[in-house]
PDB file of N, CA and C in Angstrom:
ATOM      1  N   UNK A   1     114.541 131.620 146.326  1.00  0.00           N
ATOM      2  CA  UNK A   1     113.811 130.473 145.932  1.00  0.00           C
ATOM      3  C   UNK A   1     114.561 129.228 146.183  1.00  0.00           C
ATOM      4  N   UNK A   2     113.897 128.154 146.318  1.00  0.00           N
ATOM      5  CA  UNK A   2     114.639 126.928 146.763  1.00  0.00           C
ATOM      6  C   UNK A   2     115.143 126.326 145.523  1.00  0.00           C
ATOM      7  N   UNK A   3     116.179 125.404 145.804  1.00  0.00           N
ATOM      8  CA  UNK A   3     116.719 124.606 144.759  1.00  0.00           C
ATOM      9  C   UNK A   3     115.921 123.835 143.880  1.00  0.00           C
ATOM     10  N   UNK A   4     114.897 123.236 144.480  1.00  0.00           N
ATOM     11  CA  UNK A   4     113.844 122.382 143.737  1.00  0.00           C
ATOM     12  C   UNK A   4     113.026 123.150 142.707  1.00  0.00           C
ATOM     13  N   UNK A   5     112.842 124.546 143.044  1.00  0.00           N
ATOM     14  CA  UNK A   5     112.205 125.319 142.090  1.00  0.00           C
ATOM     15  C   UNK A   5     113.016 125.593 140.917  1.00  0.00           C
ATOM     16  N   UNK A   6     114.232 125.887 141.109  1.00  0.00           N
ATOM     17  CA  UNK A   6     115.187 126.113 139.933  1.00  0.00           C
ATOM     18  C   UNK A   6     115.199 124.761 139.170  1.00  0.00           C
ATOM     19  N   UNK A   7     115.272 123.646 139.760  1.00  0.00           N
ATOM     20  CA  UNK A   7     115.469 122.397 139.115  1.00  0.00           C
ATOM     21  C   UNK A   7     114.253 122.180 138.260  1.00  0.00           C
ATOM     22  N   UNK A   8     113.090 122.505 138.916  1.00  0.00           N
ATOM     23  CA  UNK A   8     111.736 122.245 138.101  1.00  0.00           C
ATOM     24  C   UNK A   8     111.733 123.123 136.959  1.00  0.00           C
ATOM     25  N   UNK A   9     112.084 124.480 136.996  1.00  0.00           N
ATOM     26  CA  UNK A   9     112.122 125.423 135.929  1.00  0.00           C
ATOM     27  C   UNK A   9     112.998 125.008 134.741  1.00  0.00           C
ATOM     28  N   UNK A  10     114.289 124.536 135.164  1.00  0.00           N
ATOM     29  CA  UNK A  10     115.142 124.240 134.113  1.00  0.00           C
ATOM     30  C   UNK A  10     114.801 122.925 133.438  1.00  0.00           C
ATOM     31  N   UNK A  11     114.190 121.933 134.296  1.00  0.00           N
ATOM     32  CA  UNK A  11     113.733 120.650 133.699  1.00  0.00           C
ATOM     33  C   UNK A  11     112.592 120.920 132.752  1.00  0.00           C
ATOM     34  N   UNK A  12     111.689 121.776 133.112  1.00  0.00           N
ATOM     35  CA  UNK A  12     110.528 121.928 132.126  1.00  0.00           C
ATOM     36  C   UNK A  12     110.980 122.661 130.896  1.00  0.00           C
ATOM     37  N   UNK A  13     112.044 123.523 130.961  1.00  0.00           N
ATOM     38  CA  UNK A  13     112.588 124.171 129.701  1.00  0.00           C
ATOM     39  C   UNK A  13     113.229 123.152 128.902  1.00  0.00           C
ATOM     40  N   UNK A  14     113.815 122.270 129.514  1.00  0.00           N
ATOM     41  CA  UNK A  14     114.630 121.228 128.656  1.00  0.00           C
ATOM     42  C   UNK A  14     113.574 120.269 128.036  1.00  0.00           C
ATOM     43  N   UNK A  15     112.576 119.847 128.767  1.00  0.00           N
ATOM     44  CA  UNK A  15     111.592 118.984 128.331  1.00  0.00           C
ATOM     45  C   UNK A  15     110.924 119.732 127.116  1.00  0.00           C
ATOM     46  N   UNK A  16     110.528 120.963 127.155  1.00  0.00           N
ATOM     47  CA  UNK A  16     109.923 121.634 126.064  1.00  0.00           C
ATOM     48  C   UNK A  16     110.680 121.784 124.822  1.00  0.00           C
ATOM     49  N   UNK A  17     112.100 121.854 125.018  1.00  0.00           N
ATOM     50  CA  UNK A  17     113.019 121.810 123.901  1.00  0.00           C
ATOM     51  C   UNK A  17     113.020 120.358 123.337  1.00  0.00           C
ATOM     52  N   UNK A  18     113.026 119.352 124.048  1.00  0.00           N
ATOM     53  CA  UNK A  18     113.006 118.027 123.583  1.00  0.00           C
ATOM     54  C   UNK A  18     111.663 117.773 122.857  1.00  0.00           C
ATOM     55  N   UNK A  19     110.486 118.290 123.279  1.00  0.00           N
ATOM     56  CA  UNK A  19     109.267 118.027 122.637  1.00  0.00           C
ATOM     57  C   UNK A  19     109.338 118.757 121.202  1.00  0.00           C
ATOM     58  N   UNK A  20     109.656 120.065 121.369  1.00  0.00           N
ATOM     59  CA  UNK A  20     109.907 120.913 120.185  1.00  0.00           C
ATOM     60  C   UNK A  20     110.830 120.420 119.166  1.00  0.00           C
ATOM     61  N   UNK A  21     111.898 119.745 119.497  1.00  0.00           N
ATOM     62  CA  UNK A  21     112.774 119.059 118.487  1.00  0.00           C
ATOM     63  C   UNK A  21     112.134 117.768 117.930  1.00  0.00           C
ATOM     64  N   UNK A  22     111.331 117.170 118.811  1.00  0.00           N
ATOM     65  CA  UNK A  22     110.715 115.827 118.285  1.00  0.00           C
ATOM     66  C   UNK A  22     109.676 116.243 117.238  1.00  0.00           C
ATOM     67  N   UNK A  23     108.950 117.370 117.309  1.00  0.00           N
ATOM     68  CA  UNK A  23     107.947 117.831 116.277  1.00  0.00           C
ATOM     69  C   UNK A  23     108.629 118.579 115.078  1.00  0.00           C
ATOM     70  N   UNK A  24     109.910 118.989 115.178  1.00  0.00           N
ATOM     71  CA  UNK A  24     110.666 119.667 114.079  1.00  0.00           C
ATOM     72  C   UNK A  24     110.428 121.158 114.220  1.00  0.00           C
ATOM     73  N   UNK A  25     110.325 121.630 115.337  1.00  0.00           N
ATOM     74  CA  UNK A  25     110.181 123.081 115.396  1.00  0.00           C
ATOM     75  C   UNK A  25     111.551 123.711 115.434  1.00  0.00           C
ATOM     76  N   UNK A  26     111.659 124.988 115.058  1.00  0.00           N
ATOM     77  CA  UNK A  26     112.947 125.696 115.051  1.00  0.00           C
ATOM     78  C   UNK A  26     113.174 126.017 116.478  1.00  0.00           C
ATOM     79  N   UNK A  27     114.433 125.825 116.976  1.00  0.00           N
ATOM     80  CA  UNK A  27     114.791 126.107 118.330  1.00  0.00           C
ATOM     81  C   UNK A  27     116.071 127.024 118.355  1.00  0.00           C
ATOM     82  N   UNK A  28     115.946 128.021 119.194  1.00  0.00           N
ATOM     83  CA  UNK A  28     117.043 129.049 119.440  1.00  0.00           C
ATOM     84  C   UNK A  28     117.472 129.213 120.870  1.00  0.00           C
ATOM     85  N   UNK A  29     118.578 129.463 121.174  1.00  0.00           N
ATOM     86  CA  UNK A  29     119.113 129.588 122.482  1.00  0.00           C
ATOM     87  C   UNK A  29     118.428 130.614 123.281  1.00  0.00           C
ATOM     88  N   UNK A  30     117.867 131.667 122.617  1.00  0.00           N
ATOM     89  CA  UNK A  30     117.128 132.700 123.422  1.00  0.00           C
ATOM     90  C   UNK A  30     115.807 132.271 123.873  1.00  0.00           C
ATOM     91  N   UNK A  31     115.255 131.319 123.195  1.00  0.00           N
ATOM     92  CA  UNK A  31     113.828 130.674 123.644  1.00  0.00           C
ATOM     93  C   UNK A  31     114.029 129.883 124.968  1.00  0.00           C
ATOM     94  N   UNK A  32     115.300 129.278 125.169  1.00  0.00           N
ATOM     95  CA  UNK A  32     115.537 128.516 126.321  1.00  0.00           C
ATOM     96  C   UNK A  32     115.640 129.499 127.597  1.00  0.00           C
ATOM     97  N   UNK A  33     116.425 130.752 127.364  1.00  0.00           N
ATOM     98  CA  UNK A  33     116.445 131.725 128.358  1.00  0.00           C
ATOM     99  C   UNK A  33     115.083 132.505 128.662  1.00  0.00           C
ATOM    100  N   UNK A  34     114.262 132.662 127.611  1.00  0.00           N
ATOM    101  CA  UNK A  34     112.921 133.085 127.756  1.00  0.00           C
ATOM    102  C   UNK A  34     112.097 132.208 128.527  1.00  0.00           C
ATOM    103  N   UNK A  35     112.236 130.955 128.367  1.00  0.00           N
ATOM    104  CA  UNK A  35     111.445 129.955 129.059  1.00  0.00           C
ATOM    105  C   UNK A  35     111.854 130.056 130.617  1.00  0.00           C
ATOM    106  N   UNK A  36     113.108 130.065 130.912  1.00  0.00           N
ATOM    107  CA  UNK A  36     113.598 130.222 132.213  1.00  0.00           C
ATOM    108  C   UNK A  36     113.146 131.466 132.890  1.00  0.00           C
ATOM    109  N   UNK A  37     113.167 132.581 132.251  1.00  0.00           N
ATOM    110  CA  UNK A  37     112.630 133.845 132.842  1.00  0.00           C
ATOM    111  C   UNK A  37     111.188 133.866 132.954  1.00  0.00           C
ATOM    112  N   UNK A  38     110.398 133.185 132.162  1.00  0.00           N
ATOM    113  CA  UNK A  38     109.039 133.263 132.320  1.00  0.00           C
ATOM    114  C   UNK A  38     108.750 132.316 133.552  1.00  0.00           C
ATOM    115  N   UNK A  39     109.395 131.182 133.735  1.00  0.00           N
ATOM    116  CA  UNK A  39     109.209 130.264 134.966  1.00  0.00           C
ATOM    117  C   UNK A  39     109.462 131.121 136.228  1.00  0.00           C
ATOM    118  N   UNK A  40     110.562 131.819 136.248  1.00  0.00           N
ATOM    119  CA  UNK A  40     111.015 132.680 137.366  1.00  0.00           C
ATOM    120  C   UNK A  40     109.898 133.615 137.669  1.00  0.00           C
ATOM    121  N   UNK A  41     109.332 134.226 136.723  1.00  0.00           N
ATOM    122  CA  UNK A  41     108.457 135.337 136.795  1.00  0.00           C
ATOM    123  C   UNK A  41     107.109 134.693 137.384  1.00  0.00           C
ATOM    124  N   UNK A  42     106.655 133.614 136.717  1.00  0.00           N
ATOM    125  CA  UNK A  42     105.447 132.997 137.356  1.00  0.00           C
ATOM    126  C   UNK A  42     105.647 132.497 138.750  1.00  0.00           C
ATOM    127  N   UNK A  43     106.645 131.967 139.072  1.00  0.00           N
ATOM    128  CA  UNK A  43     107.065 131.458 140.484  1.00  0.00           C
ATOM    129  C   UNK A  43     107.012 132.649 141.504  1.00  0.00           C
ATOM    130  N   UNK A  44     107.624 133.824 141.006  1.00  0.00           N
ATOM    131  CA  UNK A  44     107.640 135.016 141.807  1.00  0.00           C
ATOM    132  C   UNK A  44     106.125 135.441 142.188  1.00  0.00           C
ATOM    133  N   UNK A  45     105.329 135.531 141.013  1.00  0.00           N
ATOM    134  CA  UNK A  45     103.883 135.814 141.206  1.00  0.00           C
ATOM    135  C   UNK A  45     103.274 134.897 142.327  1.00  0.00           C
ATOM    136  N   UNK A  46     103.359 133.674 142.139  1.00  0.00           N
ATOM    137  CA  UNK A  46     102.858 132.662 143.148  1.00  0.00           C
ATOM    138  C   UNK A  46     103.415 133.013 144.531  1.00  0.00           C
ATOM    139  N   UNK A  47     104.643 133.264 144.634  1.00  0.00           N
ATOM    140  CA  UNK A  47     105.047 133.499 146.005  1.00  0.00           C
ATOM    141  C   UNK A  47     104.594 134.806 146.602  1.00  0.00           C
ATOM    142  N   UNK A  48     104.295 135.817 145.731  1.00  0.00           N
ATOM    143  CA  UNK A  48     103.716 137.099 146.156  1.00  0.00           C
ATOM    144  C   UNK A  48     102.252 136.946 146.494  1.00  0.00           C
ATOM    145  N   UNK A  49     101.560 136.001 145.772  1.00  0.00           N
ATOM    146  CA  UNK A  49     100.186 135.776 146.160  1.00  0.00           C
ATOM    147  C   UNK A  49      99.957 134.943 147.398  1.00  0.00           C
ATOM    148  N   UNK A  50     101.059 134.017 147.767  1.00  0.00           N
ATOM    149  CA  UNK A  50     100.880 133.197 148.814  1.00  0.00           C
ATOM    150  C   UNK A  50     101.133 133.955 150.118  1.00  0.00           C
ATOM    151  N   UNK A  51     101.885 135.040 150.264  1.00  0.00           N
ATOM    152  CA  UNK A  51     102.198 135.684 151.373  1.00  0.00           C
ATOM    153  C   UNK A  51     100.960 136.445 151.802  1.00  0.00           C
ATOM    154  N   UNK A  52     100.899 136.663 153.149  1.00  0.00           N
ATOM    155  CA  UNK A  52      99.839 137.234 153.785  1.00  0.00           C
ATOM    156  C   UNK A  52     100.385 138.784 154.304  1.00  0.00           C
ATOM    157  N   UNK A  53      99.805 139.738 153.757  1.00  0.00           N
ATOM    158  CA  UNK A  53     100.010 141.098 154.278  1.00  0.00           C
ATOM    159  C   UNK A  53     101.585 141.288 154.476  1.00  0.00           C
TER     160      UNK A  53
END
């Protein structure tokens, strides 16, 4: 994966934590790791679907 993809995944996880904190939701460290893993998983699926045979 490219560096830009990692930056995008981490940035989206950070923004989701900021929004969650703004609305007073409980935040735990494992949620951040889960968000990053889901981002990597979704990106992997997109890369697999983009490849041709």
